Amino acid sequence: MVDRNRPARYEVGGRAALKATGQPVEILEVRRGEFVPDFVYKVRVLAERPARPYNLSVPEHDLSDG
């Protein structure tokens, strides 16, 4: 069960990492999920050159402290 009163784990401007790949991300936006009972984050994946950074929306459980 998810605690609806707890604050978001990450905040806008913060850094984290994608759990699946370990890629570092910057948090761009934080909102409550419509279909998942958790926070959803819009993040920018900080890719290494020559790849370009890209934006992605992920639920909180897909992020880890990076």
Protein backbone atom coordinates (compact mmCIF):
# COMPACT_ATOMS: atom_id res chain seq x y z
CA MET A 1 0.00 0.00 0.00
CA VAL A 2 1.30 3.46 -0.89
CA ASP A 3 1.17 6.27 1.67
CA ARG A 4 -0.72 9.08 -0.06
CA ASN A 5 0.53 11.65 2.46
CA ARG A 6 4.24 11.12 2.08
CA PRO A 7 6.27 13.67 0.10
CA ALA A 8 7.89 12.86 -3.22
CA ARG A 9 11.28 11.18 -2.89
CA TYR A 10 12.92 13.42 -5.52
CA GLU A 11 12.37 17.10 -6.29
CA VAL A 12 12.64 19.23 -9.42
CA GLY A 13 16.27 19.91 -10.28
CA GLY A 14 17.44 16.85 -8.35
CA ARG A 15 19.42 13.95 -9.74
CA ALA A 16 18.66 10.23 -9.72
CA ALA A 17 19.38 7.20 -11.92
CA LEU A 18 17.24 4.80 -13.91
CA LYS A 19 17.18 1.48 -12.04
CA ALA A 20 17.21 -0.63 -15.20
CA THR A 21 20.25 0.97 -16.87
CA GLY A 22 21.92 3.09 -14.21
CA GLN A 23 21.80 6.13 -16.51
CA PRO A 24 21.83 9.44 -14.62
CA VAL A 25 18.71 11.61 -14.94
CA GLU A 26 17.70 15.13 -13.95
CA ILE A 27 14.19 15.58 -12.48
CA LEU A 28 12.17 18.06 -14.58
CA GLU A 29 8.65 17.64 -13.15
CA VAL A 30 6.95 15.76 -10.29
CA ARG A 31 3.26 14.76 -10.25
CA ARG A 32 0.93 12.16 -8.82
CA GLY A 33 0.29 9.29 -11.21
CA GLU A 34 -3.18 8.93 -12.72
CA PHE A 35 -3.05 5.16 -13.13
CA VAL A 36 -0.27 4.26 -10.71
CA PRO A 37 -0.68 5.07 -7.00
CA ASP A 38 2.71 6.74 -6.77
CA PHE A 39 4.61 9.78 -7.99
CA VAL A 40 5.54 10.03 -11.66
CA TYR A 41 8.60 12.01 -12.69
CA LYS A 42 9.38 13.67 -15.99
CA VAL A 43 13.12 13.25 -16.30
CA ARG A 44 15.88 14.15 -18.73
CA VAL A 45 18.23 11.25 -19.35
CA LEU A 46 21.74 12.67 -19.30
CA ALA A 47 23.25 10.70 -22.16
CA GLU A 48 26.92 10.68 -23.01
CA ARG A 49 28.05 12.26 -26.24
CA PRO A 50 27.47 11.71 -29.15
CA ALA A 51 23.98 10.71 -27.96
CA ARG A 52 21.59 13.55 -27.15
CA PRO A 53 19.74 13.90 -23.85
CA TYR A 54 16.06 12.93 -24.02
CA ASN A 55 13.00 13.30 -21.81
CA LEU A 56 11.07 10.40 -20.31
CA SER A 57 8.26 9.94 -17.77
CA VAL A 58 8.87 7.21 -15.18
CA PRO A 59 7.20 6.09 -11.95
CA GLU A 60 9.14 6.54 -8.71
CA HIS A 61 9.90 2.82 -8.30
CA ASP A 62 11.93 2.93 -11.55
CA LEU A 63 14.39 5.46 -10.09
CA SER A 64 17.22 4.98 -7.63
CA ASP A 65 19.57 7.37 -5.87
CA GLY A 66 22.30 8.12 -8.33
